[in-house]
């Protein structure tokens, strides 16, 4: 059974950092394309970043380039999203995704 469990969200001030984790089970992330999405209040879910089978990280949204980095630890079967210099507009629920499988999300709130 495939499971994706996100963690690491919380309340942070603008300029702060968080590292989100996505613990996967039921498959191996090293053979999968793994994605992070986010959904802000009142907006559609959008792709933030993904990492491919070769481990090449791709940051998708221009607004997070240079601030967010996706990575993975194959030994832990976990994908990460390091988020630095957070802005108010980064406030959203962040979801881990693999094909049709989704986690329940973790809430990131950036506020002073």
N, C-alpha and C. Protein backbone atom coordinates (compact mmCIF):
# COMPACT_ATOMS: atom_id res chain seq x y z
N UNK A 1 0.85 -1.19 0.00
CA UNK A 1 0.00 0.00 0.00
C UNK A 1 0.89 1.24 0.00
N UNK A 2 0.64 2.10 -0.96
CA UNK A 2 1.43 3.32 -1.08
C UNK A 2 0.95 4.34 -0.06
N UNK A 3 1.89 4.93 0.64
CA UNK A 3 1.59 6.01 1.57
C UNK A 3 2.62 7.11 1.45
N UNK A 4 2.13 8.33 1.53
CA UNK A 4 2.98 9.51 1.55
C UNK A 4 2.58 10.34 2.76
N UNK A 5 3.52 10.59 3.65
CA UNK A 5 3.22 11.32 4.88
C UNK A 5 4.13 12.54 4.98
N UNK A 6 3.51 13.71 4.87
CA UNK A 6 4.26 14.96 4.97
C UNK A 6 4.37 15.41 6.43
N UNK A 7 5.44 16.12 6.72
CA UNK A 7 5.64 16.71 8.03
C UNK A 7 6.58 17.89 7.90
N UNK A 8 6.66 18.67 8.97
CA UNK A 8 7.61 19.78 8.99
C UNK A 8 7.01 21.15 8.82
N UNK A 9 5.72 21.21 8.55
CA UNK A 9 5.08 22.51 8.42
C UNK A 9 4.94 23.21 9.76
N UNK A 10 4.51 24.45 9.70
CA UNK A 10 4.31 25.21 10.92
C UNK A 10 4.22 26.69 10.65
N UNK A 11 4.29 27.45 11.72
CA UNK A 11 4.25 28.91 11.64
C UNK A 11 5.67 29.45 11.68
N UNK A 12 6.00 30.31 10.73
CA UNK A 12 7.33 30.88 10.66
C UNK A 12 7.23 32.34 10.25
N UNK A 13 8.15 33.14 10.71
CA UNK A 13 8.15 34.56 10.33
C UNK A 13 8.74 34.73 8.94
N UNK A 14 8.37 35.81 8.28
CA UNK A 14 9.00 36.09 6.97
C UNK A 14 10.52 36.12 7.10
N UNK A 15 11.17 35.49 6.12
CA UNK A 15 12.62 35.38 6.15
C UNK A 15 13.12 34.12 6.80
N UNK A 16 12.23 33.39 7.45
CA UNK A 16 12.61 32.16 8.12
C UNK A 16 12.72 30.97 7.17
N UNK A 17 13.02 29.83 7.77
CA UNK A 17 13.21 28.60 6.99
C UNK A 17 12.42 27.44 7.60
N UNK A 18 12.06 26.53 6.74
CA UNK A 18 11.46 25.27 7.16
C UNK A 18 11.96 24.18 6.22
N UNK A 19 11.99 22.96 6.73
CA UNK A 19 12.27 21.82 5.88
C UNK A 19 11.12 20.85 5.99
N UNK A 20 10.46 20.63 4.87
CA UNK A 20 9.36 19.68 4.82
C UNK A 20 9.91 18.30 4.47
N UNK A 21 9.27 17.28 5.03
CA UNK A 21 9.64 15.90 4.73
C UNK A 21 8.44 15.16 4.19
N UNK A 22 8.71 14.22 3.32
CA UNK A 22 7.67 13.34 2.78
C UNK A 22 8.20 11.91 2.91
N UNK A 23 7.68 11.21 3.90
CA UNK A 23 8.08 9.83 4.12
C UNK A 23 7.22 8.91 3.27
N UNK A 24 7.86 8.15 2.40
CA UNK A 24 7.13 7.28 1.48
C UNK A 24 7.23 5.83 1.93
N UNK A 25 6.17 5.08 1.65
CA UNK A 25 6.16 3.64 1.91
C UNK A 25 5.35 2.95 0.84
N UNK A 26 5.65 1.69 0.62
CA UNK A 26 4.95 0.92 -0.40
C UNK A 26 5.60 0.99 -1.78
N UNK A 27 6.63 1.77 -1.91
CA UNK A 27 7.39 1.86 -3.17
C UNK A 27 8.71 2.54 -2.83
N UNK A 28 9.63 2.55 -3.80
CA UNK A 28 10.93 3.19 -3.58
C UNK A 28 11.00 4.50 -4.34
N UNK A 29 11.37 5.56 -3.65
CA UNK A 29 11.38 6.87 -4.29
C UNK A 29 12.46 6.98 -5.35
N UNK A 30 13.50 6.16 -5.26
CA UNK A 30 14.60 6.27 -6.22
C UNK A 30 14.18 5.86 -7.61
N UNK A 31 13.07 5.19 -7.75
CA UNK A 31 12.57 4.79 -9.07
C UNK A 31 11.34 5.58 -9.47
N UNK A 32 11.09 6.68 -8.76
CA UNK A 32 9.88 7.46 -8.99
C UNK A 32 10.18 8.93 -9.20
N UNK A 33 9.29 9.57 -9.91
CA UNK A 33 9.31 11.02 -10.03
C UNK A 33 8.49 11.57 -8.87
N UNK A 34 9.13 12.30 -8.01
CA UNK A 34 8.47 12.81 -6.81
C UNK A 34 8.27 14.31 -6.93
N UNK A 35 7.10 14.76 -6.51
CA UNK A 35 6.75 16.17 -6.65
C UNK A 35 6.27 16.78 -5.34
N UNK A 36 6.49 18.04 -5.19
CA UNK A 36 5.87 18.84 -4.14
C UNK A 36 4.92 19.83 -4.80
N UNK A 37 3.70 19.86 -4.31
CA UNK A 37 2.70 20.83 -4.72
C UNK A 37 2.34 21.69 -3.52
N UNK A 38 1.68 22.79 -3.79
CA UNK A 38 1.12 23.58 -2.72
C UNK A 38 -0.21 24.17 -3.16
N UNK A 39 -1.04 24.44 -2.16
CA UNK A 39 -2.33 25.06 -2.42
C UNK A 39 -2.57 26.13 -1.38
N UNK A 40 -2.60 27.36 -1.84
CA UNK A 40 -2.86 28.49 -0.97
C UNK A 40 -4.36 28.69 -0.83
N UNK A 41 -4.80 29.33 0.23
CA UNK A 41 -6.23 29.55 0.43
C UNK A 41 -6.86 30.24 -0.77
N UNK A 42 -7.92 29.64 -1.30
CA UNK A 42 -8.65 30.24 -2.41
C UNK A 42 -7.99 30.10 -3.76
N UNK A 43 -6.90 29.33 -3.81
CA UNK A 43 -6.20 29.18 -5.09
C UNK A 43 -6.12 27.71 -5.49
N UNK A 44 -5.76 27.49 -6.73
CA UNK A 44 -5.61 26.13 -7.21
C UNK A 44 -4.27 25.54 -6.75
N UNK A 45 -4.24 24.24 -6.69
CA UNK A 45 -3.00 23.55 -6.34
C UNK A 45 -1.99 23.76 -7.47
N UNK A 46 -0.74 24.04 -7.10
CA UNK A 46 0.28 24.29 -8.11
C UNK A 46 1.53 23.47 -7.81
N UNK A 47 2.22 23.10 -8.88
CA UNK A 47 3.46 22.33 -8.74
C UNK A 47 4.59 23.26 -8.30
N UNK A 48 5.28 22.87 -7.25
CA UNK A 48 6.38 23.68 -6.73
C UNK A 48 7.72 23.19 -7.26
N UNK A 49 7.94 21.89 -7.15
CA UNK A 49 9.23 21.32 -7.54
C UNK A 49 9.10 19.82 -7.70
N UNK A 50 10.03 19.24 -8.45
CA UNK A 50 10.05 17.78 -8.54
C UNK A 50 11.48 17.29 -8.67
N UNK A 51 11.65 16.04 -8.40
CA UNK A 51 12.96 15.42 -8.50
C UNK A 51 12.80 14.12 -9.27
N UNK A 52 13.67 13.92 -10.26
CA UNK A 52 13.46 12.79 -11.16
C UNK A 52 14.22 11.53 -10.70
N UNK A 53 14.15 10.51 -11.55
CA UNK A 53 14.72 9.22 -11.18
C UNK A 53 16.24 9.32 -10.99
N UNK A 54 16.86 10.23 -11.75
CA UNK A 54 18.31 10.38 -11.65
C UNK A 54 18.70 11.23 -10.43
N UNK A 55 17.71 11.73 -9.73
CA UNK A 55 18.00 12.57 -8.58
C UNK A 55 18.24 14.02 -8.93
N UNK A 56 17.88 14.39 -10.16
CA UNK A 56 18.04 15.77 -10.58
C UNK A 56 16.88 16.61 -10.04
N UNK A 57 17.20 17.59 -9.23
CA UNK A 57 16.11 18.41 -8.69
C UNK A 57 15.71 19.51 -9.65
N UNK A 58 14.44 19.73 -9.75
CA UNK A 58 13.90 20.79 -10.59
C UNK A 58 12.96 21.64 -9.75
N UNK A 59 13.22 22.89 -9.68
CA UNK A 59 12.31 23.81 -9.02
C UNK A 59 11.45 24.43 -10.10
N UNK A 60 10.17 24.37 -9.93
CA UNK A 60 9.26 24.68 -11.01
C UNK A 60 8.77 26.12 -11.03
N UNK A 61 8.30 26.60 -9.89
CA UNK A 61 7.73 27.94 -9.86
C UNK A 61 8.84 28.97 -9.78
N UNK A 62 8.77 29.98 -10.63
CA UNK A 62 9.79 31.03 -10.63
C UNK A 62 9.89 31.73 -9.28
N UNK A 63 8.76 31.85 -8.62
CA UNK A 63 8.72 32.62 -7.38
C UNK A 63 9.51 31.97 -6.25
N UNK A 64 9.85 30.67 -6.40
CA UNK A 64 10.59 30.02 -5.33
C UNK A 64 12.02 29.68 -5.73
N UNK A 65 12.37 29.94 -6.97
CA UNK A 65 13.73 29.64 -7.43
C UNK A 65 14.75 30.42 -6.62
N UNK A 66 15.77 29.71 -6.21
CA UNK A 66 16.80 30.32 -5.37
C UNK A 66 16.47 30.29 -3.90
N UNK A 67 15.26 29.89 -3.56
CA UNK A 67 14.85 29.84 -2.14
C UNK A 67 14.48 28.42 -1.71
N UNK A 68 13.88 27.65 -2.60
CA UNK A 68 13.44 26.29 -2.28
C UNK A 68 14.34 25.28 -2.99
N UNK A 69 14.58 24.18 -2.31
CA UNK A 69 15.36 23.10 -2.91
C UNK A 69 14.73 21.76 -2.55
N UNK A 70 14.51 20.95 -3.57
CA UNK A 70 14.00 19.61 -3.34
C UNK A 70 15.18 18.63 -3.33
N UNK A 71 15.08 17.64 -2.47
CA UNK A 71 16.13 16.62 -2.39
C UNK A 71 15.51 15.33 -1.91
N UNK A 72 16.31 14.28 -1.91
CA UNK A 72 15.78 13.01 -1.42
C UNK A 72 16.88 12.23 -0.72
N UNK A 73 16.45 11.35 0.19
CA UNK A 73 17.34 10.43 0.87
C UNK A 73 16.81 9.03 0.57
N UNK A 74 17.48 8.35 -0.34
CA UNK A 74 16.99 7.04 -0.77
C UNK A 74 17.00 6.03 0.39
N UNK A 75 17.98 6.15 1.26
CA UNK A 75 18.07 5.20 2.37
C UNK A 75 16.88 5.34 3.32
N UNK A 76 16.39 6.57 3.45
CA UNK A 76 15.23 6.81 4.31
C UNK A 76 13.92 6.80 3.54
N UNK A 77 14.04 6.66 2.21
CA UNK A 77 12.85 6.69 1.35
C UNK A 77 12.02 7.95 1.61
N UNK A 78 12.71 9.06 1.68
CA UNK A 78 12.10 10.33 2.06
C UNK A 78 12.52 11.43 1.10
N UNK A 79 11.58 12.29 0.78
CA UNK A 79 11.83 13.45 -0.05
C UNK A 79 11.69 14.69 0.81
N UNK A 80 12.52 15.67 0.54
CA UNK A 80 12.52 16.90 1.33
C UNK A 80 12.25 18.12 0.46
N UNK A 81 11.76 19.16 1.11
CA UNK A 81 11.68 20.46 0.47
C UNK A 81 12.23 21.47 1.46
N UNK A 82 13.43 21.94 1.18
CA UNK A 82 14.05 22.98 2.01
C UNK A 82 13.56 24.33 1.53
N UNK A 83 13.00 25.09 2.44
CA UNK A 83 12.42 26.38 2.08
C UNK A 83 13.11 27.46 2.90
N UNK A 84 13.79 28.35 2.22
CA UNK A 84 14.51 29.44 2.86
C UNK A 84 13.92 30.78 2.47
N UNK A 85 14.21 31.78 3.27
CA UNK A 85 13.73 33.14 3.00
C UNK A 85 12.24 33.14 2.67
N UNK A 86 11.48 32.51 3.53
CA UNK A 86 10.05 32.37 3.30
C UNK A 86 9.35 33.71 3.27
N UNK A 87 8.33 33.77 2.42
CA UNK A 87 7.53 34.98 2.26
C UNK A 87 6.08 34.69 2.62
N UNK A 88 5.34 35.74 2.90
CA UNK A 88 3.94 35.57 3.27
C UNK A 88 3.18 34.80 2.19
N UNK A 89 3.54 35.06 0.93
CA UNK A 89 2.84 34.41 -0.18
C UNK A 89 3.18 32.93 -0.33
N UNK A 90 4.10 32.43 0.48
CA UNK A 90 4.39 30.99 0.48
C UNK A 90 3.42 30.23 1.38
N UNK A 91 2.59 30.95 2.09
CA UNK A 91 1.61 30.30 2.95
C UNK A 91 0.69 29.40 2.13
N UNK A 92 0.63 28.13 2.52
CA UNK A 92 -0.15 27.15 1.77
C UNK A 92 -0.08 25.80 2.48
N UNK A 93 -0.91 24.91 2.02
CA UNK A 93 -0.75 23.50 2.39
C UNK A 93 0.14 22.87 1.33
N UNK A 94 1.17 22.20 1.78
CA UNK A 94 2.14 21.59 0.87
C UNK A 94 1.90 20.08 0.83
N UNK A 95 1.85 19.56 -0.40
CA UNK A 95 1.54 18.16 -0.62
C UNK A 95 2.68 17.46 -1.35
N UNK A 96 2.88 16.22 -0.97
CA UNK A 96 3.82 15.34 -1.66
C UNK A 96 3.01 14.49 -2.65
N UNK A 97 3.60 14.25 -3.79
CA UNK A 97 2.88 13.50 -4.84
C UNK A 97 3.79 12.54 -5.59
N UNK A 98 3.20 11.40 -5.93
CA UNK A 98 3.85 10.46 -6.83
C UNK A 98 2.74 9.84 -7.67
N UNK A 99 2.75 10.15 -8.94
CA UNK A 99 1.72 9.68 -9.89
C UNK A 99 0.33 10.05 -9.33
N UNK A 100 -0.49 9.07 -9.04
CA UNK A 100 -1.84 9.37 -8.57
C UNK A 100 -1.94 9.41 -7.04
N UNK A 101 -0.81 9.23 -6.38
CA UNK A 101 -0.82 9.16 -4.93
C UNK A 101 -0.46 10.50 -4.30
N UNK A 102 -1.21 10.85 -3.27
CA UNK A 102 -1.05 12.13 -2.59
C UNK A 102 -0.98 11.91 -1.08
N UNK A 103 -0.20 12.73 -0.43
CA UNK A 103 -0.25 12.79 1.01
C UNK A 103 -1.39 13.70 1.45
N UNK A 104 -1.55 13.82 2.78
CA UNK A 104 -2.63 14.67 3.31
C UNK A 104 -2.21 16.13 3.42
N UNK A 105 -0.94 16.38 3.27
CA UNK A 105 -0.45 17.75 3.28
C UNK A 105 0.03 18.22 4.64
N UNK A 106 0.85 19.26 4.61
CA UNK A 106 1.32 19.90 5.83
C UNK A 106 1.20 21.42 5.63
N UNK A 107 0.67 22.08 6.63
CA UNK A 107 0.38 23.51 6.52
C UNK A 107 1.61 24.34 6.86
N UNK A 108 1.92 25.26 5.97
CA UNK A 108 2.99 26.24 6.19
C UNK A 108 2.34 27.61 6.25
N UNK A 109 2.55 28.29 7.36
CA UNK A 109 2.02 29.63 7.53
C UNK A 109 3.18 30.58 7.77
N UNK A 110 3.29 31.57 6.89
CA UNK A 110 4.35 32.57 7.02
C UNK A 110 3.70 33.89 7.41
N UNK A 111 4.00 34.31 8.60
CA UNK A 111 3.34 35.51 9.14
C UNK A 111 4.18 36.12 10.24
N UNK A 112 4.10 37.43 10.32
CA UNK A 112 4.79 38.12 11.41
C UNK A 112 3.86 38.33 12.59
